[in-house]
Each structure stands twice: as C-alpha cells, then as structure tokens.
C-alpha cells in the first residue's frame, strides 16, 4: 500500500470537490482551515455518513486514498 502523500491528497480533494459540487480550491482551503462544511453540504444523508466514516478512521482514509480498487468502490457507491 502507498503512503499518504500530497499527490494522493490532491486526488482525494479533487474527487470530493466533484462530488460535493464545489471548486477544488475552495474545498482545499476549507480543509486546511479544518472546515468540512463545503465538503458535505451538498451530499445526501447516506453520502454524508459514508464520508464521515472515511474521515473519522485514518486507516480507512489511507486505504481509500492509496488503493485504486477502493477509489472505484467509492465512485460506485456515490455515483
């Protein structure tokens, strides 16, 4: 498994921004300030629950970021 790095974080932010319907730059700025509002404000309750599960578990977040199969699974579940 790959280590968590800035390239992986950039990819994750891009995916989340697309799903959240916000710009990648706004999402990145909000996340740097510790704000998750723009990441989740446009998600439905099921998506919010899945997102919260990922971000609250560092091992799961790292798996998601570094594993192409996990990314494909995420895209499948969240459309």
Protein backbone atom coordinates (compact mmCIF):
# COMPACT_ATOMS: atom_id res chain seq x y z
CA UNK A 1 0.00 0.00 0.00
CA UNK A 2 1.26 3.50 -0.82
CA UNK A 3 1.97 6.07 1.84
CA UNK A 4 -0.32 9.02 2.28
CA UNK A 5 1.25 11.94 0.38
CA UNK A 6 0.38 15.28 -1.19
CA UNK A 7 -0.36 13.73 -4.60
CA UNK A 8 -2.82 11.33 -3.01
CA UNK A 9 -4.38 14.16 -1.00
CA UNK A 10 -4.77 16.22 -4.17
CA UNK A 11 -6.55 13.31 -5.86
CA UNK A 12 -8.86 12.85 -2.88
CA UNK A 13 -9.68 16.56 -2.75
CA UNK A 14 -10.46 16.50 -6.46
CA UNK A 15 -12.86 13.57 -6.06
CA UNK A 16 -14.53 15.11 -3.01
CA UNK A 17 -14.85 18.51 -4.67
CA UNK A 18 -16.51 16.97 -7.71
CA UNK A 19 -18.95 15.01 -5.54
CA UNK A 20 -19.64 17.98 -3.27
CA UNK A 21 -20.24 20.35 -6.17
CA UNK A 22 -17.64 22.88 -5.03
CA UNK A 23 -14.37 24.03 -6.53
CA UNK A 24 -11.25 22.06 -5.70
CA UNK A 25 -9.54 25.25 -4.48
CA UNK A 26 -12.40 26.17 -2.12
CA UNK A 27 -12.53 22.68 -0.70
CA UNK A 28 -8.75 22.56 -0.22
CA UNK A 29 -8.78 25.96 1.52
CA UNK A 30 -11.65 24.92 3.78
CA UNK A 31 -9.99 21.64 4.68
CA UNK A 32 -6.72 23.41 5.51
CA UNK A 33 -8.72 25.54 7.94
CA UNK A 34 -10.30 22.44 9.44
CA UNK A 35 -13.72 23.12 7.90
CA UNK A 36 -15.67 20.23 6.39
CA UNK A 37 -18.84 22.16 5.61
CA UNK A 38 -18.16 22.67 1.90
CA UNK A 39 -17.23 19.01 1.57
CA UNK A 40 -20.53 17.74 2.90
CA UNK A 41 -23.14 20.47 2.49
CA UNK A 42 -24.47 19.17 -0.85
CA UNK A 43 -24.29 15.46 -0.01
CA UNK A 44 -27.35 13.39 0.76
CA UNK A 45 -27.54 11.77 4.25
CA UNK A 46 -26.15 8.45 3.03
CA UNK A 47 -23.19 10.14 1.36
CA UNK A 48 -22.54 12.21 4.50
CA UNK A 49 -22.50 9.08 6.64
CA UNK A 50 -20.03 7.35 4.30
CA UNK A 51 -17.84 10.44 4.13
CA UNK A 52 -17.81 10.78 7.92
CA UNK A 53 -16.90 7.10 8.25
CA UNK A 54 -13.89 7.58 5.96
CA UNK A 55 -12.58 10.80 7.51
CA UNK A 56 -13.02 9.56 11.08
CA UNK A 57 -10.90 6.44 10.51
CA UNK A 58 -7.28 7.19 9.47
CA UNK A 59 -6.64 3.61 8.33
CA UNK A 60 -9.75 3.63 6.15
CA UNK A 61 -8.88 7.07 4.76
CA UNK A 62 -5.37 5.91 3.87
CA UNK A 63 -6.73 2.77 2.21
CA UNK A 64 -9.18 4.86 0.21
CA UNK A 65 -6.56 7.33 -0.93
CA UNK A 66 -3.92 4.81 -1.92
CA UNK A 67 -5.94 1.94 -3.33
CA UNK A 68 -7.40 2.14 -6.88
CA UNK A 69 -9.95 -0.56 -6.06
CA UNK A 70 -11.16 1.38 -3.03
CA UNK A 71 -11.46 4.52 -5.17
CA UNK A 72 -13.51 2.58 -7.75
CA UNK A 73 -15.73 1.24 -4.98
CA UNK A 74 -16.22 4.75 -3.61
CA UNK A 75 -17.19 6.04 -7.05
CA UNK A 76 -19.62 3.14 -7.48
CA UNK A 77 -21.37 3.77 -4.16
CA UNK A 78 -21.53 7.55 -4.50
CA UNK A 79 -22.33 7.58 -8.20
